[in-house]
């Protein structure tokens, strides 16, 4: 089987993808959201930035995503 991005592999297996691939504004994590057989959503992501508590500055974000995450939870 050829490699496919996780969201495409899930769709091919009839695993509902409720929000497509996107990148968060706050932690810069690239992720997508799946619906489990029990009916709740799980976020699968990678690449979030690491925070140093000693130097972190509070930020305000006006959007949930830099790009992507189409769909609805």
Protein backbone atom coordinates (compact mmCIF):
# COMPACT_ATOMS: atom_id res chain seq x y z
CA UNK A 1 0.00 0.00 0.00
CA UNK A 2 1.36 3.44 -0.93
CA UNK A 3 1.72 6.11 1.73
CA UNK A 4 -1.07 8.68 1.91
CA UNK A 5 -1.57 11.65 4.24
CA UNK A 6 -3.40 10.48 7.40
CA UNK A 7 -6.62 12.34 6.62
CA UNK A 8 -6.86 10.68 3.20
CA UNK A 9 -6.08 7.23 4.66
CA UNK A 10 -8.85 7.72 7.24
CA UNK A 11 -11.38 8.71 4.60
CA UNK A 12 -10.46 5.64 2.55
CA UNK A 13 -11.26 3.53 5.62
CA UNK A 14 -14.59 5.31 6.26
CA UNK A 15 -13.27 7.00 9.41
CA UNK A 16 -15.08 10.37 9.50
CA UNK A 17 -12.74 13.37 9.27
CA UNK A 18 -14.68 16.21 10.91
CA UNK A 19 -12.07 18.94 10.37
CA UNK A 20 -9.50 18.77 7.58
CA UNK A 21 -5.78 19.40 7.86
CA UNK A 22 -4.93 22.83 9.26
CA UNK A 23 -2.48 24.79 11.41
CA UNK A 24 -3.40 26.33 14.78
CA UNK A 25 -2.62 29.98 15.50
CA UNK A 26 -1.64 29.46 19.13
CA UNK A 27 0.72 26.48 19.07
CA UNK A 28 1.40 26.19 15.30
CA UNK A 29 0.47 22.51 15.41
CA UNK A 30 -0.61 20.93 12.12
CA UNK A 31 -3.59 18.67 12.80
CA UNK A 32 -6.92 17.22 11.73
CA UNK A 33 -9.91 15.91 13.69
CA UNK A 34 -11.52 12.46 13.48
CA UNK A 35 -14.81 11.12 14.85
CA UNK A 36 -14.47 7.93 16.89
CA UNK A 37 -16.93 5.02 16.71
CA UNK A 38 -18.22 6.23 20.12
CA UNK A 39 -19.11 9.60 18.56
CA UNK A 40 -16.54 11.93 20.09
CA UNK A 41 -13.83 13.82 18.23
CA UNK A 42 -10.09 13.25 18.48
CA UNK A 43 -7.43 15.64 17.24
CA UNK A 44 -4.36 14.09 15.61
CA UNK A 45 -1.50 16.55 15.28
CA UNK A 46 2.23 17.10 15.17
CA UNK A 47 4.82 19.86 15.02
CA UNK A 48 3.56 22.09 17.84
CA UNK A 49 6.01 24.70 19.06
CA UNK A 50 7.57 24.21 22.46
CA UNK A 51 7.00 26.83 25.13
CA UNK A 52 9.60 27.97 27.65
CA UNK A 53 7.60 29.02 30.71
CA UNK A 54 10.36 31.39 31.83
CA UNK A 55 10.22 33.51 28.65
CA UNK A 56 6.68 32.97 27.32
CA UNK A 57 4.57 36.10 26.75
CA UNK A 58 0.77 35.99 26.80
CA UNK A 59 -0.72 36.38 23.32
CA UNK A 60 -4.21 37.06 22.01
CA UNK A 61 -5.39 35.15 18.93
CA UNK A 62 -8.39 36.26 16.89
CA UNK A 63 -8.62 33.13 14.73
CA UNK A 64 -8.39 29.43 15.49
CA UNK A 65 -6.29 28.50 12.47
CA UNK A 66 -3.58 30.02 10.30
CA UNK A 67 -4.84 27.87 7.42
CA UNK A 68 -7.14 24.91 6.86
CA UNK A 69 -9.35 23.10 9.42
CA UNK A 70 -12.44 23.27 7.19
CA UNK A 71 -15.37 21.38 8.61
CA UNK A 72 -17.27 21.54 11.85
CA UNK A 73 -16.92 19.89 15.21
